[in-house]
Amino acid sequence: MPSNLDYKSIREFRILPRNGCFYVEFVYKLEAINSDVNPDFVLGIDPGLNNWLTCISNVGTSFIVDGKHLKSLNQFYNKQVATIKEKKPQGFWSNKLAAITEKRNRQMRDTVNKAARKVISHCLTNKIGTLVFGWNKRHFGSSNMGRVNNQKAFFG
């Protein structure tokens, strides 16, 4: 059990089966924190590949969240899956594939959570009250940049 939880504040336990494992989610109530952000201060976020999130604000601050690590995790996962599925029938699945998929999903979720934390912390520090995230339908999936770059562009 996690040592940093106040067990009196836990409202619900959820046990979730996923890929041959069980995960426990702790649902607890937190008090809302009021912050003195200004809705006129804006942070624009542009998603990309090597520069995963390029963030620029109208208060003179900017930062970049590097995407090379995320790309390499995904590329290694794709390589492992291709090796395991080599010379296997269409739709082949195994316990090994389930294990590496679960590991990759945990790594991706962790990376996304850390990036979101960085963005929110930056906004609170600089009193930024509005986020604008640039996204289009088929943003990466339909861009045709060649066989090699298409694999890098789509994290799915």
Protein backbone atom coordinates (compact mmCIF):
# COMPACT_ATOMS: atom_id res chain seq x y z
CA MET A 1 0.00 0.00 0.00
CA PRO A 2 1.28 3.49 -0.75
CA SER A 3 2.75 5.24 2.27
CA ASN A 4 1.81 8.76 1.18
CA LEU A 5 -1.98 8.32 1.34
CA ASP A 6 -4.20 9.38 4.18
CA TYR A 7 -6.41 6.29 4.48
CA LYS A 8 -9.18 8.25 6.19
CA SER A 9 -9.68 10.33 3.04
CA ILE A 10 -10.07 7.32 0.70
CA ARG A 11 -13.66 7.10 -0.56
CA GLU A 12 -13.42 4.10 -2.90
CA PHE A 13 -11.12 1.31 -4.06
CA ARG A 14 -11.35 0.15 -7.66
CA ILE A 15 -9.78 -3.13 -8.72
CA LEU A 16 -9.21 -3.17 -12.47
CA PRO A 17 -8.12 -6.26 -14.43
CA ARG A 18 -5.90 -5.36 -17.37
CA ASN A 19 -3.67 -7.64 -19.50
CA GLY A 20 -3.45 -10.41 -16.94
CA CYS A 21 -2.74 -8.02 -14.05
CA PHE A 22 -4.86 -6.33 -11.43
CA TYR A 23 -4.55 -2.63 -10.69
CA VAL A 24 -5.92 -0.84 -7.65
CA GLU A 25 -7.16 2.73 -7.98
CA PHE A 26 -7.65 4.80 -4.85
CA VAL A 27 -10.40 7.41 -5.09
CA TYR A 28 -10.17 10.16 -2.53
CA LYS A 29 -11.44 13.65 -2.07
CA LEU A 30 -9.16 16.67 -2.12
CA GLU A 31 -10.01 20.20 -1.22
CA ALA A 32 -10.05 22.60 -4.16
CA ILE A 33 -7.13 25.00 -4.26
CA ASN A 34 -7.92 28.51 -5.33
CA SER A 35 -5.22 30.15 -7.40
CA ASP A 36 -4.90 33.72 -8.52
CA VAL A 37 -4.47 33.09 -12.26
CA ASN A 38 -5.30 35.68 -14.86
CA PRO A 39 -7.53 34.43 -17.72
CA ASP A 40 -5.93 37.05 -20.00
CA PHE A 41 -2.56 35.28 -19.69
CA VAL A 42 -2.45 32.54 -22.33
CA LEU A 43 -0.17 29.56 -22.92
CA GLY A 44 -0.21 28.13 -26.44
CA ILE A 45 0.87 24.51 -26.84
CA ASP A 46 1.97 23.12 -30.21
CA PRO A 47 2.47 19.32 -30.32
CA GLY A 48 5.25 17.88 -32.45
CA LEU A 49 7.66 14.96 -32.68
CA ASN A 50 11.17 15.68 -31.38
CA ASN A 51 9.83 18.75 -29.61
CA TRP A 52 6.79 17.01 -28.18
CA LEU A 53 5.22 20.13 -26.67
CA THR A 54 6.36 23.61 -27.63
CA CYS A 55 4.80 26.04 -25.17
CA ILE A 56 4.77 29.81 -25.64
CA SER A 57 2.90 32.36 -23.54
CA ASN A 58 1.95 35.98 -23.90
CA VAL A 59 3.71 36.80 -20.62
CA GLY A 60 7.17 36.25 -22.11
CA THR A 61 7.80 32.68 -20.97
CA SER A 62 8.31 29.58 -23.09
CA PHE A 63 9.59 26.04 -22.76
CA ILE A 64 9.83 22.81 -24.74
CA VAL A 65 9.01 19.29 -23.56
CA ASP A 66 11.40 16.92 -25.32
CA GLY A 67 9.74 14.06 -27.19
CA LYS A 68 12.79 12.01 -28.16
CA HIS A 69 12.51 9.71 -25.14
CA LEU A 70 8.82 9.06 -25.85
CA LYS A 71 9.64 8.38 -29.49
CA SER A 72 12.39 5.92 -28.57
CA LEU A 73 10.10 4.05 -26.16
CA ASN A 74 7.49 3.71 -28.86
CA GLN A 75 10.03 2.72 -31.51
CA PHE A 76 11.48 0.00 -29.26
CA TYR A 77 7.97 -1.30 -28.53
CA ASN A 78 7.19 -1.45 -32.28
CA LYS A 79 10.46 -3.30 -32.88
CA GLN A 80 9.68 -5.89 -30.19
CA VAL A 81 6.14 -6.44 -31.51
CA ALA A 82 7.42 -6.85 -35.08
CA THR A 83 10.00 -9.42 -33.93
CA ILE A 84 7.47 -11.46 -31.96
CA LYS A 85 4.81 -11.35 -34.69
CA GLU A 86 7.27 -12.30 -37.44
CA LYS A 87 6.01 -15.32 -39.43
CA LYS A 88 2.88 -15.54 -37.25
CA PRO A 89 -0.71 -15.46 -38.55
CA GLN A 90 -2.72 -12.24 -38.71
CA GLY A 91 -4.19 -11.35 -35.32
CA PHE A 92 -1.59 -13.34 -33.36
CA TRP A 93 -1.44 -12.45 -29.65
CA SER A 94 0.51 -13.93 -26.75
CA ASN A 95 1.26 -13.34 -23.09
CA LYS A 96 4.61 -11.81 -24.06
CA LEU A 97 2.85 -9.28 -26.33
CA ALA A 98 0.40 -8.48 -23.54
CA ALA A 99 3.27 -7.90 -21.09
CA ILE A 100 5.27 -5.58 -23.35
CA THR A 101 2.09 -3.72 -24.35
CA GLU A 102 1.17 -3.17 -20.72
CA LYS A 103 4.69 -1.96 -19.94
CA ARG A 104 4.65 0.43 -22.89
CA ASN A 105 1.22 1.76 -21.88
CA ARG A 106 2.44 2.40 -18.33
CA GLN A 107 5.52 4.21 -19.65
CA MET A 108 3.42 6.36 -21.99
CA ARG A 109 0.91 7.20 -19.24
CA ASP A 110 3.73 8.16 -16.88
CA THR A 111 5.36 10.40 -19.49
CA VAL A 112 2.07 12.11 -20.35
CA ASN A 113 1.33 12.71 -16.64
CA LYS A 114 4.78 14.22 -16.08
CA ALA A 115 4.41 16.51 -19.09
CA ALA A 116 0.96 17.63 -17.93
CA ARG A 117 2.37 18.33 -14.46
CA LYS A 118 5.13 20.46 -15.97
CA VAL A 119 2.63 22.49 -18.02
CA ILE A 120 0.27 23.05 -15.08
CA SER A 121 3.12 23.99 -12.74
CA HIS A 122 4.38 26.52 -15.31
CA CYS A 123 0.89 28.00 -15.61
CA LEU A 124 0.46 28.32 -11.85
CA THR A 125 3.91 29.81 -11.37
CA ASN A 126 3.31 32.45 -14.07
CA LYS A 127 -0.38 32.99 -13.21
CA ILE A 128 -1.48 31.80 -16.67
CA GLY A 129 -5.22 31.15 -16.71
CA THR A 130 -5.87 30.03 -20.30
CA LEU A 131 -4.39 27.07 -22.20
CA VAL A 132 -4.68 26.74 -25.98
CA PHE A 133 -3.71 23.33 -27.34
CA GLY A 134 -3.19 23.14 -31.11
CA TRP A 135 -4.74 19.98 -32.51
CA ASN A 136 -6.39 19.00 -35.77
CA LYS A 137 -8.26 15.87 -36.77
CA ARG A 138 -5.82 13.35 -38.25
CA HIS A 139 -3.02 15.63 -37.02
CA PHE A 140 -0.26 13.01 -37.28
CA GLY A 141 -1.98 9.96 -38.69
CA SER A 142 -2.80 11.38 -42.12
CA SER A 143 0.39 13.34 -42.69
CA ASN A 144 2.41 11.56 -45.35
CA MET A 145 6.08 12.16 -44.58
CA GLY A 146 7.53 8.94 -45.98
CA ARG A 147 7.57 5.41 -44.62
CA VAL A 148 10.17 5.96 -41.87
CA ASN A 149 8.84 9.30 -40.60
CA ASN A 150 5.21 8.14 -40.65
CA GLN A 151 6.11 5.46 -38.10
CA LYS A 152 7.78 8.08 -35.91
CA ALA A 153 4.86 10.48 -36.21
CA PHE A 154 2.13 8.21 -34.97
CA PHE A 155 2.32 6.95 -31.39
CA GLY A 156 -0.54 4.46 -31.77
